[in-house]
C-alpha atoms as a PDB file:
ATOM      1  CA  MET A   1       5.616 -43.764 -22.777  1.00  0.00           C
ATOM      2  CA  LYS A   2       8.249 -41.074 -22.189  1.00  0.00           C
ATOM      3  CA  VAL A   3       5.752 -38.309 -23.061  1.00  0.00           C
ATOM      4  CA  TYR A   4       3.144 -39.901 -20.796  1.00  0.00           C
ATOM      5  CA  LYS A   5       5.688 -40.181 -17.979  1.00  0.00           C
ATOM      6  CA  ASN A   6       6.678 -36.526 -18.410  1.00  0.00           C
ATOM      7  CA  LYS A   7       3.027 -35.489 -18.205  1.00  0.00           C
ATOM      8  CA  LYS A   8       2.651 -37.410 -14.954  1.00  0.00           C
ATOM      9  CA  ILE A   9       5.720 -35.677 -13.523  1.00  0.00           C
ATOM     10  CA  ILE A  10       4.422 -32.257 -14.621  1.00  0.00           C
ATOM     11  CA  ILE A  11       1.022 -32.953 -13.029  1.00  0.00           C
ATOM     12  CA  LEU A  12       2.764 -34.165  -9.864  1.00  0.00           C
ATOM     13  CA  TYR A  13       4.735 -30.927  -9.537  1.00  0.00           C
ATOM     14  CA  LEU A  14       1.784 -28.700 -10.426  1.00  0.00           C
ATOM     15  CA  ALA A  15      -0.730 -30.443  -8.166  1.00  0.00           C
ATOM     16  CA  PRO A  16       0.325 -28.763  -4.844  1.00  0.00           C
ATOM     17  CA  VAL A  17       0.162 -25.314  -6.451  1.00  0.00           C
ATOM     18  CA  VAL A  18      -3.191 -25.931  -8.130  1.00  0.00           C
ATOM     19  CA  ILE A  19      -4.689 -27.434  -4.973  1.00  0.00           C
ATOM     20  CA  GLY A  20      -3.323 -24.565  -2.876  1.00  0.00           C
ATOM     21  CA  LEU A  21      -4.790 -21.957  -5.233  1.00  0.00           C
ATOM     22  CA  ALA A  22      -8.125 -23.744  -5.352  1.00  0.00           C
ATOM     23  CA  VAL A  23      -8.400 -24.104  -1.574  1.00  0.00           C
ATOM     24  CA  PHE A  24      -6.909 -20.811  -0.389  1.00  0.00           C
ATOM     25  CA  VAL A  25      -7.703 -18.405  -3.254  1.00  0.00           C
ATOM     26  CA  TYR A  26     -10.490 -19.445  -5.622  1.00  0.00           C
ATOM     27  CA  TYR A  27     -12.805 -21.151  -3.125  1.00  0.00           C
ATOM     28  CA  PRO A  28     -12.728 -18.243  -0.605  1.00  0.00           C
ATOM     29  CA  LEU A  29     -13.244 -15.805  -3.485  1.00  0.00           C
ATOM     30  CA  ILE A  30     -16.289 -17.647  -4.841  1.00  0.00           C
ATOM     31  CA  ARG A  31     -17.606 -18.192  -1.313  1.00  0.00           C
ATOM     32  CA  SER A  32     -17.272 -14.469  -0.510  1.00  0.00           C
ATOM     33  CA  ALA A  33     -19.131 -13.559  -3.706  1.00  0.00           C
ATOM     34  CA  ILE A  34     -21.983 -15.901  -2.727  1.00  0.00           C
ATOM     35  CA  ASP A  35     -21.986 -14.823   0.935  1.00  0.00           C
ATOM     36  CA  SER A  36     -22.266 -11.162  -0.083  1.00  0.00           C
ATOM     37  CA  LEU A  37     -25.740 -11.882  -1.476  1.00  0.00           C
ATOM     38  CA  PHE A  38     -27.080 -13.107   1.875  1.00  0.00           C
ATOM     39  CA  GLN A  39     -27.848 -11.562   5.230  1.00  0.00           C
ATOM     40  CA  TRP A  40     -26.267 -13.719   7.908  1.00  0.00           C
ATOM     41  CA  VAL A  41     -24.396 -13.637  11.178  1.00  0.00           C
ATOM     42  CA  SER A  42     -21.518 -15.690  12.522  1.00  0.00           C
ATOM     43  CA  PHE A  43     -22.200 -18.955  14.376  1.00  0.00           C
ATOM     44  CA  SER A  44     -25.604 -19.322  12.721  1.00  0.00           C
ATOM     45  CA  THR A  45     -26.797 -21.576   9.915  1.00  0.00           C
ATOM     46  CA  GLU A  46     -29.727 -19.300   9.054  1.00  0.00           C
ATOM     47  CA  ARG A  47     -29.309 -17.162   5.957  1.00  0.00           C
ATOM     48  CA  LYS A  48     -31.638 -14.755   4.237  1.00  0.00           C
ATOM     49  CA  TRP A  49     -31.313 -14.038   0.528  1.00  0.00           C
ATOM     50  CA  VAL A  50     -31.058 -10.261   0.013  1.00  0.00           C
ATOM     51  CA  GLY A  51     -29.485 -10.077  -3.447  1.00  0.00           C
ATOM     52  CA  PHE A  52     -27.562  -6.829  -3.880  1.00  0.00           C
ATOM     53  CA  ASP A  53     -29.016  -5.189  -0.753  1.00  0.00           C
ATOM     54  CA  ASN A  54     -25.673  -5.486   1.056  1.00  0.00           C
ATOM     55  CA  TYR A  55     -23.969  -3.533  -1.741  1.00  0.00           C
ATOM     56  CA  ILE A  56     -26.772  -0.952  -1.723  1.00  0.00           C
ATOM     57  CA  GLN A  57     -26.346  -0.583   2.044  1.00  0.00           C
ATOM     58  CA  ILE A  58     -22.627   0.086   1.558  1.00  0.00           C
ATOM     59  CA  PHE A  59     -23.005   2.550  -1.307  1.00  0.00           C
ATOM     60  CA  THR A  60     -25.778   4.471   0.471  1.00  0.00           C
ATOM     61  CA  ASP A  61     -23.839   4.641   3.744  1.00  0.00           C
ATOM     62  CA  LYS A  62     -23.176   8.336   4.492  1.00  0.00           C
ATOM     63  CA  ASP A  63     -19.581   7.443   5.436  1.00  0.00           C
ATOM     64  CA  PHE A  64     -18.812   5.371   2.331  1.00  0.00           C
ATOM     65  CA  PHE A  65     -17.364   8.260   0.329  1.00  0.00           C
ATOM     66  CA  THR A  66     -15.231   9.263   3.329  1.00  0.00           C
ATOM     67  CA  ILE A  67     -13.937   5.686   3.430  1.00  0.00           C
ATOM     68  CA  LEU A  68     -13.208   5.701  -0.299  1.00  0.00           C
ATOM     69  CA  LYS A  69     -11.637   9.176  -0.050  1.00  0.00           C
ATOM     70  CA  ASN A  70      -9.234   7.895   2.636  1.00  0.00           C
ATOM     71  CA  ASN A  71      -8.100   5.059   0.361  1.00  0.00           C
ATOM     72  CA  VAL A  72      -7.657   7.522  -2.512  1.00  0.00           C
ATOM     73  CA  LEU A  73      -5.622   9.837  -0.248  1.00  0.00           C
ATOM     74  CA  TYR A  74      -3.431   6.874   0.661  1.00  0.00           C
ATOM     75  CA  ALA A  75      -2.944   6.148  -3.042  1.00  0.00           C
ATOM     76  CA  LEU A  76      -2.082   9.757  -3.949  1.00  0.00           C
ATOM     77  CA  PHE A  77       0.436  10.215  -1.145  1.00  0.00           C
ATOM     78  CA  SER A  78       1.919   6.784  -1.871  1.00  0.00           C
ATOM     79  CA  VAL A  79       2.534   7.779  -5.491  1.00  0.00           C
ATOM     80  CA  LEU A  80       4.125  11.062  -4.391  1.00  0.00           C
ATOM     81  CA  CYS A  81       6.389   9.477  -1.762  1.00  0.00           C
ATOM     82  CA  GLN A  82       6.934   5.828  -2.679  1.00  0.00           C
ATOM     83  CA  VAL A  83       7.263   6.499  -6.400  1.00  0.00           C
ATOM     84  CA  LEU A  84       8.406  10.073  -7.051  1.00  0.00           C
ATOM     85  CA  LEU A  85      10.292  10.852  -3.832  1.00  0.00           C
ATOM     86  CA  ALA A  86      11.827   7.365  -3.827  1.00  0.00           C
ATOM     87  CA  MET A  87      13.154   7.926  -7.360  1.00  0.00           C
ATOM     88  CA  VAL A  88      14.639  11.306  -6.358  1.00  0.00           C
ATOM     89  CA  LEU A  89      16.342   9.722  -3.338  1.00  0.00           C
ATOM     90  CA  ALA A  90      17.704   6.881  -5.485  1.00  0.00           C
ATOM     91  CA  ALA A  91      19.043   9.354  -8.048  1.00  0.00           C
ATOM     92  CA  CYS A  92      20.727  11.383  -5.292  1.00  0.00           C
ATOM     93  CA  LEU A  93      22.428   8.290  -3.873  1.00  0.00           C
ATOM     94  CA  GLU A  94      23.757   7.450  -7.342  1.00  0.00           C
ATOM     95  CA  GLU A  95      25.430  10.842  -7.711  1.00  0.00           C
ATOM     96  CA  LEU A  96      29.227  10.669  -7.512  1.00  0.00           C
ATOM     97  CA  PHE A  97      29.550  12.753  -4.328  1.00  0.00           C
ATOM     98  CA  MET A  98      27.050  10.487  -2.499  1.00  0.00           C
ATOM     99  CA  ARG A  99      28.361   7.090  -3.526  1.00  0.00           C
ATOM    100  CA  LYS A 100      30.755   6.754  -0.598  1.00  0.00           C
ATOM    101  CA  PHE A 101      27.783   7.241   1.767  1.00  0.00           C
ATOM    102  CA  GLN A 102      25.400   5.121  -0.315  1.00  0.00           C
ATOM    103  CA  LYS A 103      25.613   1.943   1.780  1.00  0.00           C
ATOM    104  CA  PHE A 104      24.869   3.849   4.975  1.00  0.00           C
ATOM    105  CA  PHE A 105      21.829   5.728   3.643  1.00  0.00           C
ATOM    106  CA  ARG A 106      20.608   2.677   1.753  1.00  0.00           C
ATOM    107  CA  THR A 107      20.595   0.676   4.988  1.00  0.00           C
ATOM    108  CA  VAL A 108      19.051   3.435   7.118  1.00  0.00           C
ATOM    109  CA  LEU A 109      16.238   4.150   4.635  1.00  0.00           C
ATOM    110  CA  PHE A 110      15.502   0.465   4.046  1.00  0.00           C
ATOM    111  CA  LEU A 111      15.391  -0.598   7.714  1.00  0.00           C
ATOM    112  CA  PRO A 112      11.831   0.649   8.499  1.00  0.00           C
ATOM    113  CA  SER A 113      10.372  -1.700   5.874  1.00  0.00           C
ATOM    114  CA  LEU A 114      11.771  -4.684   7.801  1.00  0.00           C
ATOM    115  CA  ILE A 115       9.846  -3.831  10.975  1.00  0.00           C
ATOM    116  CA  SER A 116       6.377  -5.261  11.543  1.00  0.00           C
ATOM    117  CA  MET A 117       3.628  -2.740  10.807  1.00  0.00           C
ATOM    118  CA  SER A 118       1.921  -3.721  14.058  1.00  0.00           C
ATOM    119  CA  VAL A 119       5.042  -2.794  16.020  1.00  0.00           C
ATOM    120  CA  LEU A 120       5.446   0.466  14.098  1.00  0.00           C
ATOM    121  CA  GLY A 121       1.767   1.282  14.599  1.00  0.00           C
ATOM    122  CA  ILE A 122       2.126   0.965  18.379  1.00  0.00           C
ATOM    123  CA  LEU A 123       5.399   2.938  18.315  1.00  0.00           C
ATOM    124  CA  TRP A 124       3.956   5.837  16.319  1.00  0.00           C
ATOM    125  CA  LYS A 125       0.769   5.783  18.377  1.00  0.00           C
ATOM    126  CA  CYS A 126       2.970   6.485  21.403  1.00  0.00           C
ATOM    127  CA  ILE A 127       4.859   9.207  19.499  1.00  0.00           C
ATOM    128  CA  PHE A 128       1.575  10.898  18.509  1.00  0.00           C
ATOM    129  CA  ASN A 129       0.213  10.712  22.071  1.00  0.00           C
ATOM    130  CA  PRO A 130      -0.896  14.316  22.837  1.00  0.00           C
ATOM    131  CA  ASN A 131       0.061  14.137  26.532  1.00  0.00           C
ATOM    132  CA  SER A 132       3.290  12.149  26.749  1.00  0.00           C
ATOM    133  CA  GLY A 133       4.273  11.580  23.114  1.00  0.00           C
ATOM    134  CA  LEU A 134       7.703  12.535  21.790  1.00  0.00           C
ATOM    135  CA  LEU A 135       6.240  14.753  19.063  1.00  0.00           C
ATOM    136  CA  ASN A 136       4.384  17.138  21.383  1.00  0.00           C
ATOM    137  CA  THR A 137       7.287  17.001  23.841  1.00  0.00           C
ATOM    138  CA  PHE A 138       9.582  18.210  21.045  1.00  0.00           C
ATOM    139  CA  ILE A 139       7.102  20.951  20.038  1.00  0.00           C
ATOM    140  CA  HIS A 140       7.005  22.193  23.643  1.00  0.00           C
ATOM    141  CA  ALA A 141      10.795  21.977  23.960  1.00  0.00           C
ATOM    142  CA  ILE A 142      11.336  24.374  21.036  1.00  0.00           C
ATOM    143  CA  GLY A 143       9.116  27.000  22.617  1.00  0.00           C
ATOM    144  CA  PHE A 144       5.541  26.224  21.573  1.00  0.00           C
ATOM    145  CA  GLU A 145       4.194  25.319  25.025  1.00  0.00           C
ATOM    146  CA  ASN A 146       0.625  26.321  24.171  1.00  0.00           C
ATOM    147  CA  VAL A 147       0.510  24.208  21.000  1.00  0.00           C
ATOM    148  CA  THR A 148      -0.772  20.701  21.767  1.00  0.00           C
ATOM    149  CA  PRO A 149      -2.198  18.979  18.680  1.00  0.00           C
ATOM    150  CA  THR A 150      -4.190  15.847  19.451  1.00  0.00           C
ATOM    151  CA  TRP A 151      -2.891  14.220  16.232  1.00  0.00           C
ATOM    152  CA  LEU A 152      -4.686  10.849  16.088  1.00  0.00           C
ATOM    153  CA  GLY A 153      -7.559  12.307  18.108  1.00  0.00           C
ATOM    154  CA  ASP A 154      -8.203  15.074  15.574  1.00  0.00           C
ATOM    155  CA  ALA A 155     -10.614  13.975  12.837  1.00  0.00           C
ATOM    156  CA  ASN A 156      -9.091  16.477  10.393  1.00  0.00           C
ATOM    157  CA  ILE A 157      -5.485  15.312  10.580  1.00  0.00           C
ATOM    158  CA  ALA A 158      -5.602  11.728  11.908  1.00  0.00           C
ATOM    159  CA  ILE A 159      -5.711  10.189   8.419  1.00  0.00           C
ATOM    160  CA  PHE A 160      -2.621  12.180   7.406  1.00  0.00           C
ATOM    161  CA  CYS A 161      -0.749  10.911  10.477  1.00  0.00           C
ATOM    162  CA  CYS A 162      -1.534   7.321   9.432  1.00  0.00           C
ATOM    163  CA  ILE A 163      -0.508   8.041   5.836  1.00  0.00           C
ATOM    164  CA  PHE A 164       2.773   9.559   7.041  1.00  0.00           C
ATOM    165  CA  VAL A 165       3.657   6.375   8.938  1.00  0.00           C
ATOM    166  CA  SER A 166       3.076   4.226   5.829  1.00  0.00           C
ATOM    167  CA  GLN A 167       5.232   6.495   3.675  1.00  0.00           C
ATOM    168  CA  TRP A 168       7.952   6.586   6.323  1.00  0.00           C
ATOM    169  CA  GLN A 169       8.049   2.794   6.324  1.00  0.00           C
ATOM    170  CA  TYR A 170       7.932   1.971   2.614  1.00  0.00           C
ATOM    171  CA  THR A 171       9.595   4.877   0.769  1.00  0.00           C
ATOM    172  CA  GLY A 172      13.040   3.435   1.525  1.00  0.00           C
ATOM    173  CA  TYR A 173      12.019   0.056   0.111  1.00  0.00           C
ATOM    174  CA  CYS A 174      10.829   1.637  -3.147  1.00  0.00           C
ATOM    175  CA  MET A 175      13.989   3.739  -3.224  1.00  0.00           C
ATOM    176  CA  LEU A 176      16.060   0.568  -3.140  1.00  0.00           C
ATOM    177  CA  LEU A 177      14.115  -0.880  -6.088  1.00  0.00           C
ATOM    178  CA  ASP A 178      14.609   2.359  -8.035  1.00  0.00           C
ATOM    179  CA  LEU A 179      18.300   2.320  -7.175  1.00  0.00           C
ATOM    180  CA  VAL A 180      18.652  -1.094  -8.786  1.00  0.00           C
ATOM    181  CA  GLY A 181      16.861   0.208 -11.868  1.00  0.00           C
ATOM    182  CA  ILE A 182      19.097   3.275 -12.103  1.00  0.00           C
ATOM    183  CA  GLN A 183      22.220   1.129 -11.842  1.00  0.00           C
ATOM    184  CA  LYS A 184      21.055  -0.757 -14.957  1.00  0.00           C
ATOM    185  CA  ILE A 185      21.031   2.452 -17.027  1.00  0.00           C
ATOM    186  CA  PRO A 186      24.157   2.572 -19.242  1.00  0.00           C
ATOM    187  CA  ARG A 187      26.692   4.964 -17.712  1.00  0.00           C
ATOM    188  CA  GLU A 188      27.526   6.214 -21.213  1.00  0.00           C
ATOM    189  CA  LEU A 189      24.218   8.094 -21.290  1.00  0.00           C
ATOM    190  CA  TYR A 190      25.153  10.059 -18.184  1.00  0.00           C
ATOM    191  CA  GLU A 191      28.656  10.717 -19.524  1.00  0.00           C
ATOM    192  CA  VAL A 192      27.285  12.064 -22.808  1.00  0.00           C
ATOM    193  CA  ALA A 193      24.780  14.246 -20.938  1.00  0.00           C
ATOM    194  CA  GLU A 194      27.581  15.567 -18.715  1.00  0.00           C
ATOM    195  CA  ILE A 195      29.754  16.362 -21.752  1.00  0.00           C
ATOM    196  CA  ASP A 196      26.803  18.290 -23.222  1.00  0.00           C
ATOM    197  CA  GLY A 197      26.753  20.421 -20.075  1.00  0.00           C
ATOM    198  CA  ALA A 198      23.785  18.823 -18.304  1.00  0.00           C
ATOM    199  CA  GLY A 199      23.873  19.202 -14.545  1.00  0.00           C
ATOM    200  CA  ALA A 200      22.508  16.766 -11.978  1.00  0.00           C
ATOM    201  CA  VAL A 201      18.936  18.060 -12.301  1.00  0.00           C
ATOM    202  CA  LYS A 202      18.901  17.907 -16.101  1.00  0.00           C
ATOM    203  CA  ARG A 203      20.468  14.418 -16.059  1.00  0.00           C
ATOM    204  CA  PHE A 204      17.674  13.329 -13.719  1.00  0.00           C
ATOM    205  CA  PHE A 205      14.904  14.664 -15.970  1.00  0.00           C
ATOM    206  CA  TYR A 206      16.420  13.752 -19.339  1.00  0.00           C
ATOM    207  CA  VAL A 207      18.162  10.449 -18.556  1.00  0.00           C
ATOM    208  CA  THR A 208      17.033   8.881 -15.257  1.00  0.00           C
ATOM    209  CA  LEU A 209      13.273   9.481 -15.555  1.00  0.00           C
ATOM    210  CA  PRO A 210      12.885   8.440 -19.234  1.00  0.00           C
ATOM    211  CA  MET A 211      14.984   5.293 -18.727  1.00  0.00           C
ATOM    212  CA  GLY A 212      13.258   4.369 -15.478  1.00  0.00           C
ATOM    213  CA  LYS A 213       9.685   5.310 -16.367  1.00  0.00           C
ATOM    214  CA  GLU A 214       8.439   1.752 -16.913  1.00  0.00           C
ATOM    215  CA  SER A 215       9.663   0.518 -13.541  1.00  0.00           C
ATOM    216  CA  MET A 216       8.128   3.626 -11.968  1.00  0.00           C
ATOM    217  CA  LEU A 217       4.793   2.948 -13.649  1.00  0.00           C
ATOM    218  CA  VAL A 218       4.725  -0.635 -12.412  1.00  0.00           C
ATOM    219  CA  THR A 219       5.805   0.473  -8.915  1.00  0.00           C
ATOM    220  CA  SER A 220       3.084   3.112  -8.857  1.00  0.00           C
ATOM    221  CA  ILE A 221       0.369   0.580  -9.755  1.00  0.00           C
ATOM    222  CA  ILE A 222       1.612  -1.867  -7.116  1.00  0.00           C
ATOM    223  CA  THR A 223       1.676   0.970  -4.589  1.00  0.00           C
ATOM    224  CA  VAL A 224      -1.848   2.067  -5.470  1.00  0.00           C
ATOM    225  CA  ILE A 225      -3.103  -1.523  -5.177  1.00  0.00           C
ATOM    226  CA  GLY A 226      -1.522  -1.720  -1.727  1.00  0.00           C
ATOM    227  CA  SER A 227      -3.242   1.543  -0.775  1.00  0.00           C
ATOM    228  CA  PHE A 228      -6.661  -0.017  -1.347  1.00  0.00           C
ATOM    229  CA  LYS A 229      -5.741  -3.038   0.787  1.00  0.00           C
ATOM    230  CA  ILE A 230      -4.330  -1.000   3.671  1.00  0.00           C
ATOM    231  CA  PHE A 231      -5.429  -2.284   7.064  1.00  0.00           C
ATOM    232  CA  THR A 232      -2.836  -2.878   9.789  1.00  0.00           C
ATOM    233  CA  GLU A 233      -1.648   0.678  10.463  1.00  0.00           C
ATOM    234  CA  ILE A 234      -5.193   2.045  10.585  1.00  0.00           C
ATOM    235  CA  GLN A 235      -6.447  -0.755  12.820  1.00  0.00           C
ATOM    236  CA  VAL A 236      -3.514  -0.498  15.247  1.00  0.00           C
ATOM    237  CA  MET A 237      -3.250   3.298  15.412  1.00  0.00           C
ATOM    238  CA  THR A 238      -6.865   4.504  15.289  1.00  0.00           C
ATOM    239  CA  GLY A 239      -9.217   1.567  14.669  1.00  0.00           C
ATOM    240  CA  GLY A 240     -10.846   3.739  12.019  1.00  0.00           C
ATOM    241  CA  GLY A 241     -11.493   6.615  14.444  1.00  0.00           C
ATOM    242  CA  PRO A 242     -12.004   9.207  15.690  1.00  0.00           C
ATOM    243  CA  GLY A 243     -15.562   8.464  14.646  1.00  0.00           C
ATOM    244  CA  ARG A 244     -14.933   7.013  11.189  1.00  0.00           C
ATOM    245  CA  ALA A 245     -12.502   9.729  10.060  1.00  0.00           C
ATOM    246  CA  THR A 246      -9.688   7.264   9.255  1.00  0.00           C
ATOM    247  CA  GLU A 247     -11.837   4.346   8.131  1.00  0.00           C
ATOM    248  CA  VAL A 248     -10.696   2.569   4.953  1.00  0.00           C
ATOM    249  CA  LEU A 249     -12.279  -0.278   3.006  1.00  0.00           C
ATOM    250  CA  ALA A 250     -10.434  -3.028   4.886  1.00  0.00           C
ATOM    251  CA  THR A 251     -11.228  -1.629   8.357  1.00  0.00           C
ATOM    252  CA  ALA A 252     -14.849  -1.100   7.299  1.00  0.00           C
ATOM    253  CA  MET A 253     -14.957  -4.768   6.323  1.00  0.00           C
ATOM    254  CA  TYR A 254     -13.442  -5.723   9.702  1.00  0.00           C
ATOM    255  CA  ARG A 255     -15.925  -3.506  11.570  1.00  0.00           C
ATOM    256  CA  SER A 256     -18.880  -5.009   9.695  1.00  0.00           C
ATOM    257  CA  ALA A 257     -17.716  -8.574  10.385  1.00  0.00           C
ATOM    258  CA  PHE A 258     -16.401  -8.490  13.948  1.00  0.00           C
ATOM    259  CA  THR A 259     -18.093  -5.454  15.521  1.00  0.00           C
ATOM    260  CA  ASN A 260     -21.514  -5.313  13.869  1.00  0.00           C
ATOM    261  CA  ASP A 261     -21.698  -9.053  13.052  1.00  0.00           C
ATOM    262  CA  GLU A 262     -22.954  -8.275   9.548  1.00  0.00           C
ATOM    263  CA  MET A 263     -21.073 -10.978   7.696  1.00  0.00           C
ATOM    264  CA  GLY A 264     -22.949 -10.419   4.438  1.00  0.00           C
ATOM    265  CA  VAL A 265     -21.985  -6.737   4.395  1.00  0.00           C
ATOM    266  CA  ALA A 266     -18.388  -7.677   5.266  1.00  0.00           C
ATOM    267  CA  SER A 267     -18.338 -10.105   2.318  1.00  0.00           C
ATOM    268  CA  ALA A 268     -19.649  -7.315   0.081  1.00  0.00           C
ATOM    269  CA  TYR A 269     -16.802  -5.059   1.251  1.00  0.00           C
ATOM    270  CA  ALA A 270     -14.374  -7.876   0.461  1.00  0.00           C
ATOM    271  CA  MET A 271     -15.738  -8.136  -3.073  1.00  0.00           C
ATOM    272  CA  ILE A 272     -15.494  -4.367  -3.571  1.00  0.00           C
ATOM    273  CA  ILE A 273     -11.823  -4.490  -2.524  1.00  0.00           C
ATOM    274  CA  PHE A 274     -11.301  -7.459  -4.859  1.00  0.00           C
ATOM    275  CA  VAL A 275     -12.877  -5.687  -7.850  1.00  0.00           C
ATOM    276  CA  ILE A 276     -10.826  -2.506  -7.286  1.00  0.00           C
ATOM    277  CA  THR A 277      -7.554  -4.399  -6.901  1.00  0.00           C
ATOM    278  CA  LEU A 278      -8.402  -6.637  -9.890  1.00  0.00           C
ATOM    279  CA  ILE A 279      -8.911  -3.582 -12.118  1.00  0.00           C
ATOM    280  CA  LEU A 280      -5.655  -2.056 -10.897  1.00  0.00           C
ATOM    281  CA  SER A 281      -3.853  -5.395 -11.421  1.00  0.00           C
ATOM    282  CA  LEU A 282      -5.093  -5.550 -15.021  1.00  0.00           C
ATOM    283  CA  ILE A 283      -3.772  -2.033 -15.542  1.00  0.00           C
ATOM    284  CA  GLN A 284      -0.455  -3.148 -14.070  1.00  0.00           C
ATOM    285  CA  MET A 285      -0.277  -6.109 -16.453  1.00  0.00           C
ATOM    286  CA  LYS A 286      -1.014  -3.795 -19.363  1.00  0.00           C
ATOM    287  CA  VAL A 287       1.598  -1.267 -18.313  1.00  0.00           C
ATOM    288  CA  SER A 288       4.305  -3.819 -17.541  1.00  0.00           C
ATOM    289  CA  HIS A 289       4.139  -5.238 -21.082  1.00  0.00           C
ATOM    290  CA  THR A 290       4.388  -1.903 -22.885  1.00  0.00           C
ATOM    291  CA  GLY A 291       8.152  -2.114 -23.371  1.00  0.00           C
ATOM    292  CA  GLU A 292      10.921  -4.599 -23.838  1.00  0.00           C
ATOM    293  CA  GLU A 293      11.057  -5.581 -20.165  1.00  0.00           C
END
C-alpha cells in the first residue's frame, strides 16, 4: 500500500509537468509538422495537401541561402564574442591587479543582458539613424563631416550592425558564467605556473583554457543554438530589410505567416528551425557528458 501510495504521489507531482509539455511543446510541434505539409491560410478551414512542396519552395527561394548565411554569421560572431572574448574578459578580471575593480566591471558588463531586447533594438535603431543618430553625430564631431554611413539602411553592413547589438548585450552574461568557472579552478595551478615563470598570457593558455574548455564548449553550443533562433533584434531594428539583407530563419517564418499569409510555408520554416536546433542540442548533450562534469 505504501508503494502504491508513493506512486500516486509521484504521478500527482509529475502530472502538471507532463500535461504542460504535452499541451505547450509536443502538440504544437506535431501540429506544425502536419501543417507544413498543407497549403493553407489563416482564418480558413480549407486546406490543400501539398506534401513537401512548402519545403521545396523554401529551399529553392533565391534568398534562402542569404537567410541561412545570416544565421551562420550570427553563430560565428557569437562564438568569437560570447565564447572567446567573454573568456578573455573573465580571465582579465581574475588577474590580481583587476580584482579590486572586478565588482564594478562585472556589473557594468552584465547590465545590458538585463534589458529587454525590444528596448535595446529601438535604442540602437535610434543610435544608427543616419540623420540624427548618435553614431553619425560622433563621426561628424571628430572631423569626418562628409562620412555619413546609412548603417541599417545599407544592405552590405546592416546585418553586422544587428550582430554587434546582440554581442554587446550578451557577451557580459557569458563573461560572468566564465568567471564562475575560472573561480572553480584550483589556485595552486596558477601558483605553480607563476613559480615556473609563466606570465598572464601563458597562464591563460596553459591553465585557464584547458581547465575551462568543457564549459566553453557547452556555452558555444548554446550560443550557436540561440543564433539560429534569433528574432527580436532583427524584427525590431530592420524587419529583415533592407530588402531581405538581414532576414534570418525566424523573421522569414514571421514574414511567411503574417505578411504573406502562407501558414504552411511558415510551419515548414518552424520545422527547419526545430531540426537545426535539435541537431545542435544533441551535439551539446554529447559534448557536456565528455568529462566528469
